[in-house]
């Protein structure tokens, strides 16, 4: 099974493709990273160009790796920053559109669920998530930028939820 985890953002969108082998019994330590990176949309570009870049780059990832599922975090923004939620919704909408265009099932997980699944704490900081992703995948270096670690964390959290159902 191939899982594409995405951390959508208008400036930086992180993504990670994680593979678990055939006959997988739910052990997340068997998971391996096939590809991980970011889509970097420059802040001087307009929103339509940023969204096009996200769409085009993630389309290439989907076409190359043919994931079985696409996983993103549920949208959350503090009530005192509604504009942030709206802007983040644009990038998230592109990811949802990709799911529909390519026929890849979409799963949304709460950020607290993702953090708790990966670190044991629902309100863990970005550095904690990065360190746990480094540990889980036996990476020599901390995954940078944090958006990559967040995308891989989303994929691992999904795998952990699938494991519980087995």
C-alpha atoms as a PDB file:
ATOM      1  CA  UNK A   1       0.000   0.000   0.000  1.00  0.00           C
ATOM      2  CA  UNK A   2       1.252   3.481  -0.890  1.00  0.00           C
ATOM      3  CA  UNK A   3       0.118   6.435   1.183  1.00  0.00           C
ATOM      4  CA  UNK A   4       0.574  10.033   0.071  1.00  0.00           C
ATOM      5  CA  UNK A   5       0.579  12.367   3.062  1.00  0.00           C
ATOM      6  CA  UNK A   6       0.227  16.079   2.306  1.00  0.00           C
ATOM      7  CA  UNK A   7       0.672  19.136   4.524  1.00  0.00           C
ATOM      8  CA  UNK A   8      -0.971  21.829   2.372  1.00  0.00           C
ATOM      9  CA  UNK A   9       0.195  25.413   2.598  1.00  0.00           C
ATOM     10  CA  UNK A  10       0.134  28.378   0.234  1.00  0.00           C
ATOM     11  CA  UNK A  11       3.854  29.046   0.568  1.00  0.00           C
ATOM     12  CA  UNK A  12       5.187  25.572   1.354  1.00  0.00           C
ATOM     13  CA  UNK A  13       3.291  22.325   0.807  1.00  0.00           C
ATOM     14  CA  UNK A  14       4.971  19.255   2.243  1.00  0.00           C
ATOM     15  CA  UNK A  15       4.393  15.776   0.869  1.00  0.00           C
ATOM     16  CA  UNK A  16       5.578  12.269   1.570  1.00  0.00           C
ATOM     17  CA  UNK A  17       4.918   8.947  -0.142  1.00  0.00           C
ATOM     18  CA  UNK A  18       5.158   6.016   2.251  1.00  0.00           C
ATOM     19  CA  UNK A  19       5.088   2.351   1.244  1.00  0.00           C
ATOM     20  CA  UNK A  20       4.164  -0.647   3.353  1.00  0.00           C
ATOM     21  CA  UNK A  21       4.895  -4.068   1.832  1.00  0.00           C
ATOM     22  CA  UNK A  22       2.408  -6.641   0.536  1.00  0.00           C
ATOM     23  CA  UNK A  23       1.178  -8.833   3.370  1.00  0.00           C
ATOM     24  CA  UNK A  24       1.646  -5.901   5.749  1.00  0.00           C
ATOM     25  CA  UNK A  25       0.517  -6.862   9.242  1.00  0.00           C
ATOM     26  CA  UNK A  26       0.186  -3.338  10.631  1.00  0.00           C
ATOM     27  CA  UNK A  27       3.760  -2.827  11.844  1.00  0.00           C
ATOM     28  CA  UNK A  28       4.615   0.796  11.036  1.00  0.00           C
ATOM     29  CA  UNK A  29       8.330   0.024  11.351  1.00  0.00           C
ATOM     30  CA  UNK A  30       7.994  -1.758   7.986  1.00  0.00           C
ATOM     31  CA  UNK A  31       7.031   1.537   6.346  1.00  0.00           C
ATOM     32  CA  UNK A  32       9.546   3.145   4.033  1.00  0.00           C
ATOM     33  CA  UNK A  33       9.736   6.564   2.420  1.00  0.00           C
ATOM     34  CA  UNK A  34       9.583   6.428  -1.378  1.00  0.00           C
ATOM     35  CA  UNK A  35       9.639  10.187  -1.863  1.00  0.00           C
ATOM     36  CA  UNK A  36       9.343  13.262   0.339  1.00  0.00           C
ATOM     37  CA  UNK A  37       9.728  16.931  -0.342  1.00  0.00           C
ATOM     38  CA  UNK A  38       8.047  20.279  -0.682  1.00  0.00           C
ATOM     39  CA  UNK A  39       6.298  22.394  -3.254  1.00  0.00           C
ATOM     40  CA  UNK A  40       7.690  25.866  -2.721  1.00  0.00           C
ATOM     41  CA  UNK A  41       5.375  28.598  -3.999  1.00  0.00           C
ATOM     42  CA  UNK A  42       7.177  31.931  -3.885  1.00  0.00           C
ATOM     43  CA  UNK A  43       5.391  34.615  -1.928  1.00  0.00           C
ATOM     44  CA  UNK A  44       5.700  37.140  -4.778  1.00  0.00           C
ATOM     45  CA  UNK A  45       3.560  34.913  -6.998  1.00  0.00           C
ATOM     46  CA  UNK A  46      -0.181  35.481  -6.969  1.00  0.00           C
ATOM     47  CA  UNK A  47      -2.513  32.968  -5.368  1.00  0.00           C
ATOM     48  CA  UNK A  48      -3.617  31.469  -8.697  1.00  0.00           C
ATOM     49  CA  UNK A  49       0.016  30.773  -9.661  1.00  0.00           C
ATOM     50  CA  UNK A  50       0.746  29.257  -6.248  1.00  0.00           C
ATOM     51  CA  UNK A  51      -2.268  26.955  -6.497  1.00  0.00           C
ATOM     52  CA  UNK A  52      -1.310  25.945 -10.045  1.00  0.00           C
ATOM     53  CA  UNK A  53       2.172  25.070  -8.858  1.00  0.00           C
ATOM     54  CA  UNK A  54       0.785  22.926  -6.016  1.00  0.00           C
ATOM     55  CA  UNK A  55      -1.600  21.182  -8.412  1.00  0.00           C
ATOM     56  CA  UNK A  56       1.050  20.541 -11.061  1.00  0.00           C
ATOM     57  CA  UNK A  57       3.729  19.326  -8.637  1.00  0.00           C
ATOM     58  CA  UNK A  58       1.449  16.995  -6.691  1.00  0.00           C
ATOM     59  CA  UNK A  59      -0.035  15.717  -9.977  1.00  0.00           C
ATOM     60  CA  UNK A  60       3.462  14.587 -10.936  1.00  0.00           C
ATOM     61  CA  UNK A  61       3.875  12.825  -7.580  1.00  0.00           C
ATOM     62  CA  UNK A  62       0.518  11.054  -7.981  1.00  0.00           C
ATOM     63  CA  UNK A  63       1.257  10.025 -11.566  1.00  0.00           C
ATOM     64  CA  UNK A  64       4.684   8.656 -10.632  1.00  0.00           C
ATOM     65  CA  UNK A  65       3.812   6.798  -7.418  1.00  0.00           C
ATOM     66  CA  UNK A  66       0.112   6.008  -7.890  1.00  0.00           C
ATOM     67  CA  UNK A  67      -0.812   6.154  -4.192  1.00  0.00           C
ATOM     68  CA  UNK A  68      -3.669   4.050  -2.834  1.00  0.00           C
ATOM     69  CA  UNK A  69      -4.814   6.828  -0.520  1.00  0.00           C
ATOM     70  CA  UNK A  70      -4.210  10.558  -0.072  1.00  0.00           C
ATOM     71  CA  UNK A  71      -4.185  11.814   3.520  1.00  0.00           C
ATOM     72  CA  UNK A  72      -4.342  15.400   4.784  1.00  0.00           C
ATOM     73  CA  UNK A  73      -5.020  17.088   8.094  1.00  0.00           C
ATOM     74  CA  UNK A  74      -8.442  18.530   8.764  1.00  0.00           C
ATOM     75  CA  UNK A  75      -8.539  22.291   8.443  1.00  0.00           C
ATOM     76  CA  UNK A  76      -8.104  24.098  11.713  1.00  0.00           C
ATOM     77  CA  UNK A  77      -7.605  27.770  12.353  1.00  0.00           C
ATOM     78  CA  UNK A  78      -8.087  29.818  15.470  1.00  0.00           C
ATOM     79  CA  UNK A  79     -11.323  31.790  15.461  1.00  0.00           C
ATOM     80  CA  UNK A  80      -9.380  35.047  15.783  1.00  0.00           C
ATOM     81  CA  UNK A  81      -7.671  34.386  12.428  1.00  0.00           C
ATOM     82  CA  UNK A  82     -10.481  33.543   9.958  1.00  0.00           C
ATOM     83  CA  UNK A  83      -8.522  34.852   6.964  1.00  0.00           C
ATOM     84  CA  UNK A  84      -5.826  32.258   7.625  1.00  0.00           C
ATOM     85  CA  UNK A  85      -8.422  29.484   7.490  1.00  0.00           C
ATOM     86  CA  UNK A  86      -9.744  30.781   4.193  1.00  0.00           C
ATOM     87  CA  UNK A  87      -6.287  30.995   2.626  1.00  0.00           C
ATOM     88  CA  UNK A  88      -5.305  27.546   3.903  1.00  0.00           C
ATOM     89  CA  UNK A  89      -8.584  26.247   2.529  1.00  0.00           C
ATOM     90  CA  UNK A  90      -7.442  27.179  -0.982  1.00  0.00           C
ATOM     91  CA  UNK A  91      -4.352  24.954  -0.807  1.00  0.00           C
ATOM     92  CA  UNK A  92      -6.335  22.190   0.878  1.00  0.00           C
ATOM     93  CA  UNK A  93      -8.988  22.469  -1.847  1.00  0.00           C
ATOM     94  CA  UNK A  94      -6.358  21.822  -4.514  1.00  0.00           C
ATOM     95  CA  UNK A  95      -5.356  18.609  -2.713  1.00  0.00           C
ATOM     96  CA  UNK A  96      -9.014  17.550  -2.479  1.00  0.00           C
ATOM     97  CA  UNK A  97      -9.428  18.273  -6.202  1.00  0.00           C
ATOM     98  CA  UNK A  98      -6.389  16.096  -6.979  1.00  0.00           C
ATOM     99  CA  UNK A  99      -8.026  13.269  -5.055  1.00  0.00           C
ATOM    100  CA  UNK A 100     -11.114  13.536  -7.241  1.00  0.00           C
ATOM    101  CA  UNK A 101      -9.282  14.022 -10.541  1.00  0.00           C
ATOM    102  CA  UNK A 102      -7.036  11.002  -9.990  1.00  0.00           C
ATOM    103  CA  UNK A 103      -9.615   8.848  -8.193  1.00  0.00           C
ATOM    104  CA  UNK A 104      -7.452   8.476  -5.098  1.00  0.00           C
ATOM    105  CA  UNK A 105      -9.483   8.076  -1.884  1.00  0.00           C
ATOM    106  CA  UNK A 106      -9.102  11.080   0.435  1.00  0.00           C
ATOM    107  CA  UNK A 107      -8.814  10.797   4.216  1.00  0.00           C
ATOM    108  CA  UNK A 108      -8.750  13.787   6.578  1.00  0.00           C
ATOM    109  CA  UNK A 109      -7.285  13.406  10.058  1.00  0.00           C
ATOM    110  CA  UNK A 110      -7.381  15.909  12.922  1.00  0.00           C
ATOM    111  CA  UNK A 111      -3.989  17.471  13.633  1.00  0.00           C
ATOM    112  CA  UNK A 112      -4.229  16.453  17.291  1.00  0.00           C
ATOM    113  CA  UNK A 113      -4.826  12.848  16.193  1.00  0.00           C
ATOM    114  CA  UNK A 114      -1.776  12.970  13.908  1.00  0.00           C
ATOM    115  CA  UNK A 115       0.480  14.426  16.605  1.00  0.00           C
ATOM    116  CA  UNK A 116      -0.770  12.012  19.255  1.00  0.00           C
ATOM    117  CA  UNK A 117      -0.319   9.062  16.916  1.00  0.00           C
ATOM    118  CA  UNK A 118       3.275  10.019  16.095  1.00  0.00           C
ATOM    119  CA  UNK A 119       4.548  11.576  19.347  1.00  0.00           C
ATOM    120  CA  UNK A 120       2.092  10.462  22.016  1.00  0.00           C
ATOM    121  CA  UNK A 121       1.017  14.086  22.601  1.00  0.00           C
ATOM    122  CA  UNK A 122      -1.877  15.717  20.772  1.00  0.00           C
ATOM    123  CA  UNK A 123      -0.348  19.178  21.062  1.00  0.00           C
ATOM    124  CA  UNK A 124       3.273  18.303  20.259  1.00  0.00           C
ATOM    125  CA  UNK A 125       5.470  20.937  18.680  1.00  0.00           C
ATOM    126  CA  UNK A 126       6.930  20.799  15.189  1.00  0.00           C
ATOM    127  CA  UNK A 127      10.365  19.831  16.528  1.00  0.00           C
ATOM    128  CA  UNK A 128       8.883  16.857  18.400  1.00  0.00           C
ATOM    129  CA  UNK A 129       7.144  15.685  15.231  1.00  0.00           C
ATOM    130  CA  UNK A 130      10.360  16.073  13.244  1.00  0.00           C
ATOM    131  CA  UNK A 131      12.340  14.048  15.796  1.00  0.00           C
ATOM    132  CA  UNK A 132       9.796  11.236  15.894  1.00  0.00           C
ATOM    133  CA  UNK A 133       9.687  11.034  12.095  1.00  0.00           C
ATOM    134  CA  UNK A 134      13.489  10.924  12.087  1.00  0.00           C
ATOM    135  CA  UNK A 135      13.340   8.081  14.612  1.00  0.00           C
ATOM    136  CA  UNK A 136      10.508   6.116  12.948  1.00  0.00           C
ATOM    137  CA  UNK A 137      12.202   6.102   9.554  1.00  0.00           C
ATOM    138  CA  UNK A 138      15.779   5.859  10.919  1.00  0.00           C
ATOM    139  CA  UNK A 139      16.789   9.028   9.124  1.00  0.00           C
ATOM    140  CA  UNK A 140      20.324  10.335   9.654  1.00  0.00           C
ATOM    141  CA  UNK A 141      19.157  13.950   9.636  1.00  0.00           C
ATOM    142  CA  UNK A 142      16.084  15.742  10.882  1.00  0.00           C
ATOM    143  CA  UNK A 143      13.560  16.070   8.025  1.00  0.00           C
ATOM    144  CA  UNK A 144      13.632  19.675   6.858  1.00  0.00           C
ATOM    145  CA  UNK A 145      11.633  21.786   6.493  1.00  0.00           C
ATOM    146  CA  UNK A 146       9.064  20.795   9.136  1.00  0.00           C
ATOM    147  CA  UNK A 147       6.384  20.585   6.403  1.00  0.00           C
ATOM    148  CA  UNK A 148       8.016  17.382   5.119  1.00  0.00           C
ATOM    149  CA  UNK A 149       7.900  15.840   8.601  1.00  0.00           C
ATOM    150  CA  UNK A 150       4.256  16.913   8.964  1.00  0.00           C
ATOM    151  CA  UNK A 151       3.329  15.229   5.675  1.00  0.00           C
ATOM    152  CA  UNK A 152       5.121  12.017   6.694  1.00  0.00           C
ATOM    153  CA  UNK A 153       3.425  12.192  10.106  1.00  0.00           C
ATOM    154  CA  UNK A 154       0.013  12.372   8.408  1.00  0.00           C
ATOM    155  CA  UNK A 155       0.873   9.247   6.386  1.00  0.00           C
ATOM    156  CA  UNK A 156       2.101   7.378   9.492  1.00  0.00           C
ATOM    157  CA  UNK A 157      -0.970   8.372  11.491  1.00  0.00           C
ATOM    158  CA  UNK A 158      -3.152   6.960   8.728  1.00  0.00           C
ATOM    159  CA  UNK A 159      -1.186   3.699   8.757  1.00  0.00           C
ATOM    160  CA  UNK A 160      -1.546   3.502  12.534  1.00  0.00           C
ATOM    161  CA  UNK A 161      -5.327   3.947  12.213  1.00  0.00           C
ATOM    162  CA  UNK A 162      -5.486   1.217   9.563  1.00  0.00           C
ATOM    163  CA  UNK A 163      -3.413  -1.026  11.830  1.00  0.00           C
ATOM    164  CA  UNK A 164      -5.978  -0.639  14.632  1.00  0.00           C
ATOM    165  CA  UNK A 165      -8.745  -1.824  12.302  1.00  0.00           C
ATOM    166  CA  UNK A 166      -6.878  -5.039  11.419  1.00  0.00           C
END
